[in-house]
Amino acid sequence: MNAYAVFLCSVERHQRSVAEFRRVRDSHEALHTLLSELAANRESAAAGRLEIRIAVRAYVHRLRDEEHSPEVAVRMAKRTCHAIVLEMPAAQALRNADALLEDTVRWAIEAYYDAA
């Protein structure tokens, strides 16, 4: 009878181990899916950011070509970007719009002083 009790204990431990393994595996798969989604979002955000930078630079180059002063060009770029950010639908709203606006100012200054 003792051997049978040991056997039952081993079966129970095995079943707990299998259940724990499945729980950890499912948790790992969920984390992997989340990380994949985050990576895709990050790539999309980086592409969008590059598009914004290109647009800001083109806008400031046009303002410079129209002989606006650096201060006016930067102020207009910042005002335009700020208006666009404020009018974004809630679903597309930025979590950190201030960082984008700061970058817009930096990009505008760099663009204004690019070699013409």
PDB file of N, CA and C in Angstrom:
ATOM      1  N   MET A   1       0.807  -1.186   0.000  1.00  0.00           N
ATOM      2  CA  MET A   1       0.000   0.000   0.000  1.00  0.00           C
ATOM      3  C   MET A   1       0.857   1.260   0.000  1.00  0.00           C
ATOM      4  N   ASN A   2       1.988   1.235   0.658  1.00  0.00           N
ATOM      5  CA  ASN A   2       2.866   2.385   0.742  1.00  0.00           C
ATOM      6  C   ASN A   2       3.348   2.812  -0.644  1.00  0.00           C
ATOM      7  N   ALA A   3       3.698   1.852  -1.484  1.00  0.00           N
ATOM      8  CA  ALA A   3       4.177   2.167  -2.824  1.00  0.00           C
ATOM      9  C   ALA A   3       3.067   2.845  -3.633  1.00  0.00           C
ATOM     10  N   TYR A   4       1.841   2.411  -3.423  1.00  0.00           N
ATOM     11  CA  TYR A   4       0.727   3.008  -4.143  1.00  0.00           C
ATOM     12  C   TYR A   4       0.526   4.458  -3.705  1.00  0.00           C
ATOM     13  N   ALA A   5       0.678   4.765  -2.441  1.00  0.00           N
ATOM     14  CA  ALA A   5       0.553   6.129  -1.921  1.00  0.00           C
ATOM     15  C   ALA A   5       1.651   7.016  -2.507  1.00  0.00           C
ATOM     16  N   VAL A   6       2.862   6.482  -2.598  1.00  0.00           N
ATOM     17  CA  VAL A   6       3.971   7.234  -3.197  1.00  0.00           C
ATOM     18  C   VAL A   6       3.655   7.511  -4.666  1.00  0.00           C
ATOM     19  N   PHE A   7       3.119   6.503  -5.352  1.00  0.00           N
ATOM     20  CA  PHE A   7       2.755   6.662  -6.752  1.00  0.00           C
ATOM     21  C   PHE A   7       1.710   7.764  -6.911  1.00  0.00           C
ATOM     22  N   LEU A   8       0.667   7.761  -6.067  1.00  0.00           N
ATOM     23  CA  LEU A   8      -0.377   8.779  -6.137  1.00  0.00           C
ATOM     24  C   LEU A   8       0.188  10.176  -5.880  1.00  0.00           C
ATOM     25  N   CYS A   9       1.113  10.294  -4.941  1.00  0.00           N
ATOM     26  CA  CYS A   9       1.760  11.581  -4.668  1.00  0.00           C
ATOM     27  C   CYS A   9       2.538  12.048  -5.887  1.00  0.00           C
ATOM     28  N   SER A  10       3.243  11.111  -6.552  1.00  0.00           N
ATOM     29  CA  SER A  10       4.009  11.496  -7.748  1.00  0.00           C
ATOM     30  C   SER A  10       3.075  11.946  -8.862  1.00  0.00           C
ATOM     31  N   VAL A  11       1.949  11.261  -9.025  1.00  0.00           N
ATOM     32  CA  VAL A  11       0.989  11.650 -10.063  1.00  0.00           C
ATOM     33  C   VAL A  11       0.456  13.045  -9.759  1.00  0.00           C
ATOM     34  N   GLU A  12       0.154  13.296  -8.508  1.00  0.00           N
ATOM     35  CA  GLU A  12      -0.362  14.607  -8.107  1.00  0.00           C
ATOM     36  C   GLU A  12       0.679  15.697  -8.368  1.00  0.00           C
ATOM     37  N   ARG A  13       1.947  15.436  -8.001  1.00  0.00           N
ATOM     38  CA  ARG A  13       3.024  16.409  -8.258  1.00  0.00           C
ATOM     39  C   ARG A  13       3.184  16.646  -9.755  1.00  0.00           C
ATOM     40  N   HIS A  14       3.105  15.581 -10.524  1.00  0.00           N
ATOM     41  CA  HIS A  14       3.225  15.699 -11.974  1.00  0.00           C
ATOM     42  C   HIS A  14       2.090  16.574 -12.530  1.00  0.00           C
ATOM     43  N   GLN A  15       0.880  16.343 -12.063  1.00  0.00           N
ATOM     44  CA  GLN A  15      -0.268  17.113 -12.551  1.00  0.00           C
ATOM     45  C   GLN A  15      -0.131  18.593 -12.170  1.00  0.00           C
ATOM     46  N   ARG A  16       0.364  18.867 -10.952  1.00  0.00           N
ATOM     47  CA  ARG A  16       0.594  20.262 -10.544  1.00  0.00           C
ATOM     48  C   ARG A  16       1.691  20.893 -11.404  1.00  0.00           C
ATOM     49  N   SER A  17       2.725  20.125 -11.694  1.00  0.00           N
ATOM     50  CA  SER A  17       3.824  20.630 -12.529  1.00  0.00           C
ATOM     51  C   SER A  17       3.332  20.945 -13.938  1.00  0.00           C
ATOM     52  N   VAL A  18       2.525  20.058 -14.485  1.00  0.00           N
ATOM     53  CA  VAL A  18       1.982  20.288 -15.835  1.00  0.00           C
ATOM     54  C   VAL A  18       1.100  21.534 -15.828  1.00  0.00           C
ATOM     55  N   ALA A  19       0.258  21.676 -14.813  1.00  0.00           N
ATOM     56  CA  ALA A  19      -0.621  22.849 -14.722  1.00  0.00           C
ATOM     57  C   ALA A  19       0.213  24.128 -14.594  1.00  0.00           C
ATOM     58  N   GLU A  20       1.247  24.094 -13.773  1.00  0.00           N
ATOM     59  CA  GLU A  20       2.126  25.261 -13.599  1.00  0.00           C
ATOM     60  C   GLU A  20       2.860  25.573 -14.905  1.00  0.00           C
ATOM     61  N   PHE A  21       3.326  24.548 -15.591  1.00  0.00           N
ATOM     62  CA  PHE A  21       4.007  24.734 -16.870  1.00  0.00           C
ATOM     63  C   PHE A  21       3.072  25.422 -17.863  1.00  0.00           C
ATOM     64  N   ARG A  22       1.843  24.951 -17.956  1.00  0.00           N
ATOM     65  CA  ARG A  22       0.883  25.544 -18.887  1.00  0.00           C
ATOM     66  C   ARG A  22       0.577  26.990 -18.532  1.00  0.00           C
ATOM     67  N   ARG A  23       0.466  27.283 -17.243  1.00  0.00           N
ATOM     68  CA  ARG A  23       0.215  28.661 -16.801  1.00  0.00           C
ATOM     69  C   ARG A  23       1.371  29.565 -17.203  1.00  0.00           C
ATOM     70  N   VAL A  24       2.597  29.116 -16.960  1.00  0.00           N
ATOM     71  CA  VAL A  24       3.777  29.909 -17.305  1.00  0.00           C
ATOM     72  C   VAL A  24       3.900  30.057 -18.817  1.00  0.00           C
ATOM     73  N   ARG A  25       3.627  28.977 -19.550  1.00  0.00           N
ATOM     74  CA  ARG A  25       3.691  29.040 -21.014  1.00  0.00           C
ATOM     75  C   ARG A  25       2.682  30.048 -21.551  1.00  0.00           C
ATOM     76  N   ASP A  26       1.454  30.013 -21.037  1.00  0.00           N
ATOM     77  CA  ASP A  26       0.429  30.959 -21.489  1.00  0.00           C
ATOM     78  C   ASP A  26       0.823  32.396 -21.150  1.00  0.00           C
ATOM     79  N   SER A  27       1.381  32.579 -19.968  1.00  0.00           N
ATOM     80  CA  SER A  27       1.845  33.903 -19.566  1.00  0.00           C
ATOM     81  C   SER A  27       2.963  34.388 -20.495  1.00  0.00           C
ATOM     82  N   HIS A  28       3.877  33.495 -20.832  1.00  0.00           N
ATOM     83  CA  HIS A  28       4.973  33.828 -21.739  1.00  0.00           C
ATOM     84  C   HIS A  28       4.443  34.207 -23.118  1.00  0.00           C
ATOM     85  N   GLU A  29       3.477  33.440 -23.621  1.00  0.00           N
ATOM     86  CA  GLU A  29       2.913  33.726 -24.935  1.00  0.00           C
ATOM     87  C   GLU A  29       2.188  35.075 -24.943  1.00  0.00           C
ATOM     88  N   ALA A  30       1.481  35.374 -23.867  1.00  0.00           N
ATOM     89  CA  ALA A  30       0.791  36.665 -23.769  1.00  0.00           C
ATOM     90  C   ALA A  30       1.801  37.809 -23.738  1.00  0.00           C
ATOM     91  N   LEU A  31       2.878  37.632 -22.999  1.00  0.00           N
ATOM     92  CA  LEU A  31       3.925  38.656 -22.937  1.00  0.00           C
ATOM     93  C   LEU A  31       4.588  38.825 -24.298  1.00  0.00           C
ATOM     94  N   HIS A  32       4.837  37.730 -24.982  1.00  0.00           N
ATOM     95  CA  HIS A  32       5.450  37.782 -26.307  1.00  0.00           C
ATOM     96  C   HIS A  32       4.550  38.550 -27.280  1.00  0.00           C
ATOM     97  N   THR A  33       3.249  38.296 -27.229  1.00  0.00           N
ATOM     98  CA  THR A  33       2.293  39.001 -28.084  1.00  0.00           C
ATOM     99  C   THR A  33       2.299  40.494 -27.777  1.00  0.00           C
ATOM    100  N   LEU A  34       2.289  40.836 -26.501  1.00  0.00           N
ATOM    101  CA  LEU A  34       2.308  42.242 -26.093  1.00  0.00           C
ATOM    102  C   LEU A  34       3.574  42.934 -26.573  1.00  0.00           C
ATOM    103  N   LEU A  35       4.713  42.282 -26.405  1.00  0.00           N
ATOM    104  CA  LEU A  35       5.977  42.874 -26.851  1.00  0.00           C
ATOM    105  C   LEU A  35       6.006  43.054 -28.366  1.00  0.00           C
ATOM    106  N   SER A  36       5.435  42.122 -29.096  1.00  0.00           N
ATOM    107  CA  SER A  36       5.358  42.254 -30.553  1.00  0.00           C
ATOM    108  C   SER A  36       4.496  43.449 -30.940  1.00  0.00           C
ATOM    109  N   GLU A  37       3.380  43.619 -30.259  1.00  0.00           N
ATOM    110  CA  GLU A  37       2.500  44.763 -30.526  1.00  0.00           C
ATOM    111  C   GLU A  37       3.209  46.077 -30.195  1.00  0.00           C
ATOM    112  N   LEU A  38       3.914  46.104 -29.080  1.00  0.00           N
ATOM    113  CA  LEU A  38       4.643  47.317 -28.696  1.00  0.00           C
ATOM    114  C   LEU A  38       5.731  47.651 -29.706  1.00  0.00           C
ATOM    115  N   ALA A  39       6.425  46.642 -30.201  1.00  0.00           N
ATOM    116  CA  ALA A  39       7.467  46.871 -31.207  1.00  0.00           C
ATOM    117  C   ALA A  39       6.852  47.441 -32.485  1.00  0.00           C
ATOM    118  N   ALA A  40       5.710  46.903 -32.890  1.00  0.00           N
ATOM    119  CA  ALA A  40       5.038  47.414 -34.091  1.00  0.00           C
ATOM    120  C   ALA A  40       4.589  48.856 -33.885  1.00  0.00           C
ATOM    121  N   ASN A  41       4.054  49.168 -32.707  1.00  0.00           N
ATOM    122  CA  ASN A  41       3.641  50.540 -32.398  1.00  0.00           C
ATOM    123  C   ASN A  41       4.833  51.484 -32.393  1.00  0.00           C
ATOM    124  N   ARG A  42       5.940  51.010 -31.865  1.00  0.00           N
ATOM    125  CA  ARG A  42       7.146  51.842 -31.812  1.00  0.00           C
ATOM    126  C   ARG A  42       7.645  52.155 -33.220  1.00  0.00           C
ATOM    127  N   GLU A  43       7.643  51.148 -34.088  1.00  0.00           N
ATOM    128  CA  GLU A  43       8.078  51.362 -35.467  1.00  0.00           C
ATOM    129  C   GLU A  43       7.145  52.336 -36.181  1.00  0.00           C
ATOM    130  N   SER A  44       5.855  52.184 -35.946  1.00  0.00           N
ATOM    131  CA  SER A  44       4.875  53.077 -36.561  1.00  0.00           C
ATOM    132  C   SER A  44       5.069  54.513 -36.067  1.00  0.00           C
ATOM    133  N   ALA A  45       5.305  54.660 -34.763  1.00  0.00           N
ATOM    134  CA  ALA A  45       5.527  55.992 -34.199  1.00  0.00           C
ATOM    135  C   ALA A  45       6.794  56.618 -34.760  1.00  0.00           C
ATOM    136  N   ALA A  46       7.841  55.833 -34.913  1.00  0.00           N
ATOM    137  CA  ALA A  46       9.089  56.348 -35.465  1.00  0.00           C
ATOM    138  C   ALA A  46       8.893  56.803 -36.909  1.00  0.00           C
ATOM    139  N   ALA A  47       8.132  56.044 -37.678  1.00  0.00           N
ATOM    140  CA  ALA A  47       7.867  56.429 -39.069  1.00  0.00           C
ATOM    141  C   ALA A  47       7.042  57.720 -39.114  1.00  0.00           C
ATOM    142  N   GLY A  48       6.054  57.824 -38.249  1.00  0.00           N
ATOM    143  CA  GLY A  48       5.238  59.042 -38.189  1.00  0.00           C
ATOM    144  C   GLY A  48       6.054  60.244 -37.772  1.00  0.00           C
ATOM    145  N   ARG A  49       6.940  60.035 -36.838  1.00  0.00           N
ATOM    146  CA  ARG A  49       7.812  61.108 -36.357  1.00  0.00           C
ATOM    147  C   ARG A  49       8.731  61.600 -37.472  1.00  0.00           C
ATOM    148  N   LEU A  50       9.248  60.670 -38.262  1.00  0.00           N
ATOM    149  CA  LEU A  50      10.104  61.047 -39.385  1.00  0.00           C
ATOM    150  C   LEU A  50       9.313  61.856 -40.408  1.00  0.00           C
ATOM    151  N   GLU A  51       8.080  61.452 -40.664  1.00  0.00           N
ATOM    152  CA  GLU A  51       7.232  62.207 -41.596  1.00  0.00           C
ATOM    153  C   GLU A  51       6.999  63.632 -41.091  1.00  0.00           C
ATOM    154  N   ILE A  52       6.769  63.769 -39.791  1.00  0.00           N
ATOM    155  CA  ILE A  52       6.552  65.091 -39.208  1.00  0.00           C
ATOM    156  C   ILE A  52       7.824  65.931 -39.350  1.00  0.00           C
ATOM    157  N   ARG A  53       8.962  65.338 -39.079  1.00  0.00           N
ATOM    158  CA  ARG A  53      10.225  66.070 -39.188  1.00  0.00           C
ATOM    159  C   ARG A  53      10.447  66.558 -40.621  1.00  0.00           C
ATOM    160  N   ILE A  54      10.187  65.692 -41.579  1.00  0.00           N
ATOM    161  CA  ILE A  54      10.357  66.070 -42.990  1.00  0.00           C
ATOM    162  C   ILE A  54       9.416  67.222 -43.336  1.00  0.00           C
ATOM    163  N   ALA A  55       8.171  67.146 -42.866  1.00  0.00           N
ATOM    164  CA  ALA A  55       7.197  68.204 -43.156  1.00  0.00           C
ATOM    165  C   ALA A  55       7.604  69.526 -42.509  1.00  0.00           C
ATOM    166  N   VAL A  56       8.069  69.474 -41.262  1.00  0.00           N
ATOM    167  CA  VAL A  56       8.501  70.692 -40.572  1.00  0.00           C
ATOM    168  C   VAL A  56       9.669  71.320 -41.320  1.00  0.00           C
ATOM    169  N   ARG A  57      10.629  70.502 -41.718  1.00  0.00           N
ATOM    170  CA  ARG A  57      11.799  71.026 -42.430  1.00  0.00           C
ATOM    171  C   ARG A  57      11.394  71.663 -43.759  1.00  0.00           C
ATOM    172  N   ALA A  58      10.497  71.022 -44.497  1.00  0.00           N
ATOM    173  CA  ALA A  58      10.052  71.585 -45.782  1.00  0.00           C
ATOM    174  C   ALA A  58       9.320  72.913 -45.562  1.00  0.00           C
ATOM    175  N   TYR A  59       8.481  72.959 -44.531  1.00  0.00           N
ATOM    176  CA  TYR A  59       7.735  74.181 -44.209  1.00  0.00           C
ATOM    177  C   TYR A  59       8.689  75.315 -43.855  1.00  0.00           C
ATOM    178  N   VAL A  60       9.665  75.033 -43.017  1.00  0.00           N
ATOM    179  CA  VAL A  60      10.611  76.076 -42.600  1.00  0.00           C
ATOM    180  C   VAL A  60      11.494  76.506 -43.771  1.00  0.00           C
ATOM    181  N   HIS A  61      11.880  75.562 -44.619  1.00  0.00           N
ATOM    182  CA  HIS A  61      12.659  75.947 -45.802  1.00  0.00           C
ATOM    183  C   HIS A  61      11.856  76.912 -46.673  1.00  0.00           C
ATOM    184  N   ARG A  62      10.559  76.639 -46.830  1.00  0.00           N
ATOM    185  CA  ARG A  62       9.718  77.542 -47.614  1.00  0.00           C
ATOM    186  C   ARG A  62       9.639  78.920 -46.955  1.00  0.00           C
ATOM    187  N   LEU A  63       9.462  78.942 -45.635  1.00  0.00           N
ATOM    188  CA  LEU A  63       9.410  80.229 -44.928  1.00  0.00           C
ATOM    189  C   LEU A  63      10.726  80.990 -45.079  1.00  0.00           C
ATOM    190  N   ARG A  64      11.826  80.273 -44.979  1.00  0.00           N
ATOM    191  CA  ARG A  64      13.139  80.918 -45.150  1.00  0.00           C
ATOM    192  C   ARG A  64      13.279  81.467 -46.568  1.00  0.00           C
ATOM    193  N   ASP A  65      12.841  80.676 -47.554  1.00  0.00           N
ATOM    194  CA  ASP A  65      12.917  81.125 -48.946  1.00  0.00           C
ATOM    195  C   ASP A  65      12.051  82.355 -49.190  1.00  0.00           C
ATOM    196  N   GLU A  66      10.986  82.487 -48.401  1.00  0.00           N
ATOM    197  CA  GLU A  66      10.122  83.674 -48.486  1.00  0.00           C
ATOM    198  C   GLU A  66      10.678  84.825 -47.645  1.00  0.00           C
ATOM    199  N   GLU A  67      11.881  84.636 -47.128  1.00  0.00           N
ATOM    200  CA  GLU A  67      12.640  85.645 -46.375  1.00  0.00           C
ATOM    201  C   GLU A  67      12.006  86.031 -45.044  1.00  0.00           C
ATOM    202  N   HIS A  68      11.362  85.065 -44.389  1.00  0.00           N
ATOM    203  CA  HIS A  68      10.894  85.296 -43.019  1.00  0.00           C
ATOM    204  C   HIS A  68      12.100  85.176 -42.091  1.00  0.00           C
ATOM    205  N   SER A  69      12.071  85.914 -41.000  1.00  0.00           N
ATOM    206  CA  SER A  69      13.173  85.842 -40.035  1.00  0.00           C
ATOM    207  C   SER A  69      13.155  84.488 -39.332  1.00  0.00           C
ATOM    208  N   PRO A  70      14.289  84.093 -38.721  1.00  0.00           N
ATOM    209  CA  PRO A  70      14.318  82.811 -37.999  1.00  0.00           C
ATOM    210  C   PRO A  70      13.251  82.740 -36.904  1.00  0.00           C
ATOM    211  N   GLU A  71      13.079  83.844 -36.192  1.00  0.00           N
ATOM    212  CA  GLU A  71      12.107  83.852 -35.099  1.00  0.00           C
ATOM    213  C   GLU A  71      10.690  83.619 -35.619  1.00  0.00           C
ATOM    214  N   VAL A  72      10.364  84.265 -36.725  1.00  0.00           N
ATOM    215  CA  VAL A  72       9.028  84.116 -37.298  1.00  0.00           C
ATOM    216  C   VAL A  72       8.834  82.688 -37.822  1.00  0.00           C
ATOM    217  N   ALA A  73       9.832  82.154 -38.501  1.00  0.00           N
ATOM    218  CA  ALA A  73       9.732  80.796 -39.048  1.00  0.00           C
ATOM    219  C   ALA A  73       9.537  79.770 -37.936  1.00  0.00           C
ATOM    220  N   VAL A  74      10.305  79.887 -36.871  1.00  0.00           N
ATOM    221  CA  VAL A  74      10.183  78.943 -35.753  1.00  0.00           C
ATOM    222  C   VAL A  74       8.829  79.101 -35.075  1.00  0.00           C
ATOM    223  N   ARG A  75       8.412  80.331 -34.865  1.00  0.00           N
ATOM    224  CA  ARG A  75       7.123  80.580 -34.210  1.00  0.00           C
ATOM    225  C   ARG A  75       5.973  80.018 -35.062  1.00  0.00           C
ATOM    226  N   MET A  76       6.027  80.216 -36.376  1.00  0.00           N
ATOM    227  CA  MET A  76       4.973  79.702 -37.259  1.00  0.00           C
ATOM    228  C   MET A  76       4.965  78.174 -37.284  1.00  0.00           C
ATOM    229  N   ALA A  77       6.144  77.560 -37.311  1.00  0.00           N
ATOM    230  CA  ALA A  77       6.218  76.092 -37.296  1.00  0.00           C
ATOM    231  C   ALA A  77       5.652  75.550 -35.989  1.00  0.00           C
ATOM    232  N   LYS A  78       6.017  76.179 -34.897  1.00  0.00           N
ATOM    233  CA  LYS A  78       5.532  75.723 -33.587  1.00  0.00           C
ATOM    234  C   LYS A  78       4.016  75.912 -33.481  1.00  0.00           C
ATOM    235  N   ARG A  79       3.527  77.054 -33.918  1.00  0.00           N
ATOM    236  CA  ARG A  79       2.093  77.330 -33.843  1.00  0.00           C
ATOM    237  C   ARG A  79       1.307  76.342 -34.708  1.00  0.00           C
ATOM    238  N   THR A  80       1.809  76.065 -35.901  1.00  0.00           N
ATOM    239  CA  THR A  80       1.129  75.132 -36.802  1.00  0.00           C
ATOM    240  C   THR A  80       1.091  73.731 -36.210  1.00  0.00           C
ATOM    241  N   CYS A  81       2.225  73.267 -35.708  1.00  0.00           N
ATOM    242  CA  CYS A  81       2.284  71.928 -35.114  1.00  0.00           C
ATOM    243  C   CYS A  81       1.374  71.844 -33.893  1.00  0.00           C
ATOM    244  N   HIS A  82       1.390  72.885 -33.076  1.00  0.00           N
ATOM    245  CA  HIS A  82       0.556  72.906 -31.873  1.00  0.00           C
ATOM    246  C   HIS A  82      -0.919  72.832 -32.246  1.00  0.00           C
ATOM    247  N   ALA A  83      -1.326  73.580 -33.277  1.00  0.00           N
ATOM    248  CA  ALA A  83      -2.729  73.550 -33.704  1.00  0.00           C
ATOM    249  C   ALA A  83      -3.118  72.163 -34.209  1.00  0.00           C
ATOM    250  N   ILE A  84      -2.223  71.528 -34.937  1.00  0.00           N
ATOM    251  CA  ILE A  84      -2.512  70.181 -35.453  1.00  0.00           C
ATOM    252  C   ILE A  84      -2.662  69.188 -34.306  1.00  0.00           C
ATOM    253  N   VAL A  85      -1.757  69.261 -33.336  1.00  0.00           N
ATOM    254  CA  VAL A  85      -1.797  68.345 -32.192  1.00  0.00           C
ATOM    255  C   VAL A  85      -3.085  68.534 -31.396  1.00  0.00           C
ATOM    256  N   LEU A  86      -3.496  69.778 -31.197  1.00  0.00           N
ATOM    257  CA  LEU A  86      -4.707  70.047 -30.415  1.00  0.00           C
ATOM    258  C   LEU A  86      -5.967  69.563 -31.126  1.00  0.00           C
ATOM    259  N   GLU A  87      -5.964  69.536 -32.451  1.00  0.00           N
ATOM    260  CA  GLU A  87      -7.162  69.142 -33.194  1.00  0.00           C
ATOM    261  C   GLU A  87      -7.207  67.656 -33.526  1.00  0.00           C
ATOM    262  N   MET A  88      -6.245  66.876 -33.023  1.00  0.00           N
ATOM    263  CA  MET A  88      -6.242  65.437 -33.295  1.00  0.00           C
ATOM    264  C   MET A  88      -7.412  64.773 -32.585  1.00  0.00           C
ATOM    265  N   PRO A  89      -8.040  63.782 -33.230  1.00  0.00           N
ATOM    266  CA  PRO A  89      -9.114  63.041 -32.560  1.00  0.00           C
ATOM    267  C   PRO A  89      -8.577  62.351 -31.300  1.00  0.00           C
ATOM    268  N   ALA A  90      -9.449  62.137 -30.352  1.00  0.00           N
ATOM    269  CA  ALA A  90      -9.031  61.538 -29.077  1.00  0.00           C
ATOM    270  C   ALA A  90      -8.331  60.203 -29.275  1.00  0.00           C
ATOM    271  N   ALA A  91      -8.773  59.426 -30.259  1.00  0.00           N
ATOM    272  CA  ALA A  91      -8.173  58.107 -30.492  1.00  0.00           C
ATOM    273  C   ALA A  91      -6.730  58.214 -30.979  1.00  0.00           C
ATOM    274  N   GLN A  92      -6.380  59.337 -31.585  1.00  0.00           N
ATOM    275  CA  GLN A  92      -5.029  59.518 -32.100  1.00  0.00           C
ATOM    276  C   GLN A  92      -4.195  60.468 -31.238  1.00  0.00           C
ATOM    277  N   ALA A  93      -4.749  60.938 -30.145  1.00  0.00           N
ATOM    278  CA  ALA A  93      -4.060  61.908 -29.310  1.00  0.00           C
ATOM    279  C   ALA A  93      -2.711  61.374 -28.841  1.00  0.00           C
ATOM    280  N   LEU A  94      -1.763  62.284 -28.745  1.00  0.00           N
ATOM    281  CA  LEU A  94      -0.421  61.917 -28.310  1.00  0.00           C
ATOM    282  C   LEU A  94      -0.343  61.882 -26.800  1.00  0.00           C
ATOM    283  N   ARG A  95       0.433  60.953 -26.297  1.00  0.00           N
ATOM    284  CA  ARG A  95       0.620  60.880 -24.845  1.00  0.00           C
ATOM    285  C   ARG A  95       1.555  61.969 -24.354  1.00  0.00           C
ATOM    286  N   ASN A  96       2.521  62.328 -25.186  1.00  0.00           N
ATOM    287  CA  ASN A  96       3.495  63.326 -24.770  1.00  0.00           C
ATOM    288  C   ASN A  96       3.666  64.351 -25.888  1.00  0.00           C
ATOM    289  N   ALA A  97       2.658  65.189 -26.062  1.00  0.00           N
ATOM    290  CA  ALA A  97       2.691  66.190 -27.127  1.00  0.00           C
ATOM    291  C   ALA A  97       3.782  67.222 -26.893  1.00  0.00           C
ATOM    292  N   ASP A  98       4.108  67.509 -25.646  1.00  0.00           N
ATOM    293  CA  ASP A  98       5.140  68.510 -25.353  1.00  0.00           C
ATOM    294  C   ASP A  98       6.489  68.117 -25.941  1.00  0.00           C
ATOM    295  N   ALA A  99       6.815  66.845 -25.890  1.00  0.00           N
ATOM    296  CA  ALA A  99       8.089  66.388 -26.448  1.00  0.00           C
ATOM    297  C   ALA A  99       8.119  66.610 -27.956  1.00  0.00           C
ATOM    298  N   LEU A 100       7.000  66.342 -28.629  1.00  0.00           N
ATOM    299  CA  LEU A 100       6.935  66.567 -30.069  1.00  0.00           C
ATOM    300  C   LEU A 100       7.058  68.053 -30.382  1.00  0.00           C
ATOM    301  N   LEU A 101       6.415  68.895 -29.596  1.00  0.00           N
ATOM    302  CA  LEU A 101       6.500  70.335 -29.829  1.00  0.00           C
ATOM    303  C   LEU A 101       7.931  70.839 -29.604  1.00  0.00           C
ATOM    304  N   GLU A 102       8.614  70.319 -28.596  1.00  0.00           N
ATOM    305  CA  GLU A 102      10.012  70.693 -28.373  1.00  0.00           C
ATOM    306  C   GLU A 102      10.875  70.270 -29.556  1.00  0.00           C
ATOM    307  N   ASP A 103      10.641  69.064 -30.051  1.00  0.00           N
ATOM    308  CA  ASP A 103      11.396  68.589 -31.210  1.00  0.00           C
ATOM    309  C   ASP A 103      11.090  69.434 -32.441  1.00  0.00           C
ATOM    310  N   THR A 104       9.838  69.864 -32.567  1.00  0.00           N
ATOM    311  CA  THR A 104       9.458  70.711 -33.700  1.00  0.00           C
ATOM    312  C   THR A 104      10.273  71.993 -33.709  1.00  0.00           C
ATOM    313  N   VAL A 105      10.433  72.595 -32.550  1.00  0.00           N
ATOM    314  CA  VAL A 105      11.230  73.828 -32.453  1.00  0.00           C
ATOM    315  C   VAL A 105      12.676  73.540 -32.853  1.00  0.00           C
ATOM    316  N   ARG A 106      13.227  72.458 -32.347  1.00  0.00           N
ATOM    317  CA  ARG A 106      14.619  72.115 -32.677  1.00  0.00           C
ATOM    318  C   ARG A 106      14.766  71.851 -34.166  1.00  0.00           C
ATOM    319  N   TRP A 107      13.833  71.088 -34.738  1.00  0.00           N
ATOM    320  CA  TRP A 107      13.888  70.792 -36.176  1.00  0.00           C
ATOM    321  C   TRP A 107      13.745  72.065 -37.004  1.00  0.00           C
ATOM    322  N   ALA A 108      12.886  72.972 -36.542  1.00  0.00           N
ATOM    323  CA  ALA A 108      12.685  74.225 -37.278  1.00  0.00           C
ATOM    324  C   ALA A 108      13.960  75.059 -37.273  1.00  0.00           C
ATOM    325  N   ILE A 109      14.608  75.149 -36.131  1.00  0.00           N
ATOM    326  CA  ILE A 109      15.863  75.912 -36.046  1.00  0.00           C
ATOM    327  C   ILE A 109      16.927  75.284 -36.935  1.00  0.00           C
ATOM    328  N   GLU A 110      17.075  73.965 -36.843  1.00  0.00           N
ATOM    329  CA  GLU A 110      18.056  73.276 -37.691  1.00  0.00           C
ATOM    330  C   GLU A 110      17.751  73.495 -39.165  1.00  0.00           C
ATOM    331  N   ALA A 111      16.477  73.409 -39.526  1.00  0.00           N
ATOM    332  CA  ALA A 111      16.087  73.551 -40.929  1.00  0.00           C
ATOM    333  C   ALA A 111      16.337  74.965 -41.434  1.00  0.00           C
ATOM    334  N   TYR A 112      16.082  75.954 -40.589  1.00  0.00           N
ATOM    335  CA  TYR A 112      16.270  77.337 -41.014  1.00  0.00           C
ATOM    336  C   TYR A 112      17.733  77.609 -41.360  1.00  0.00           C
ATOM    337  N   TYR A 113      18.619  77.012 -40.582  1.00  0.00           N
ATOM    338  CA  TYR A 113      20.038  77.279 -40.792  1.00  0.00           C
ATOM    339  C   TYR A 113      20.735  76.242 -41.664  1.00  0.00           C
ATOM    340  N   ASP A 114      19.944  75.328 -42.274  1.00  0.00           N
ATOM    341  CA  ASP A 114      20.536  74.420 -43.269  1.00  0.00           C
ATOM    342  C   ASP A 114      21.146  75.243 -44.383  1.00  0.00           C
ATOM    343  N   ALA A 115      22.120  74.648 -45.045  1.00  0.00           N
ATOM    344  CA  ALA A 115      22.687  75.331 -46.215  1.00  0.00           C
ATOM    345  C   ALA A 115      21.589  75.446 -47.267  1.00  0.00           C
ATOM    346  N   ALA A 116      21.382  76.641 -47.738  1.00  0.00           N
ATOM    347  CA  ALA A 116      20.308  76.888 -48.715  1.00  0.00           C
ATOM    348  C   ALA A 116      20.658  76.318 -50.008  1.00  0.00           C
TER     349      ALA A 116
END
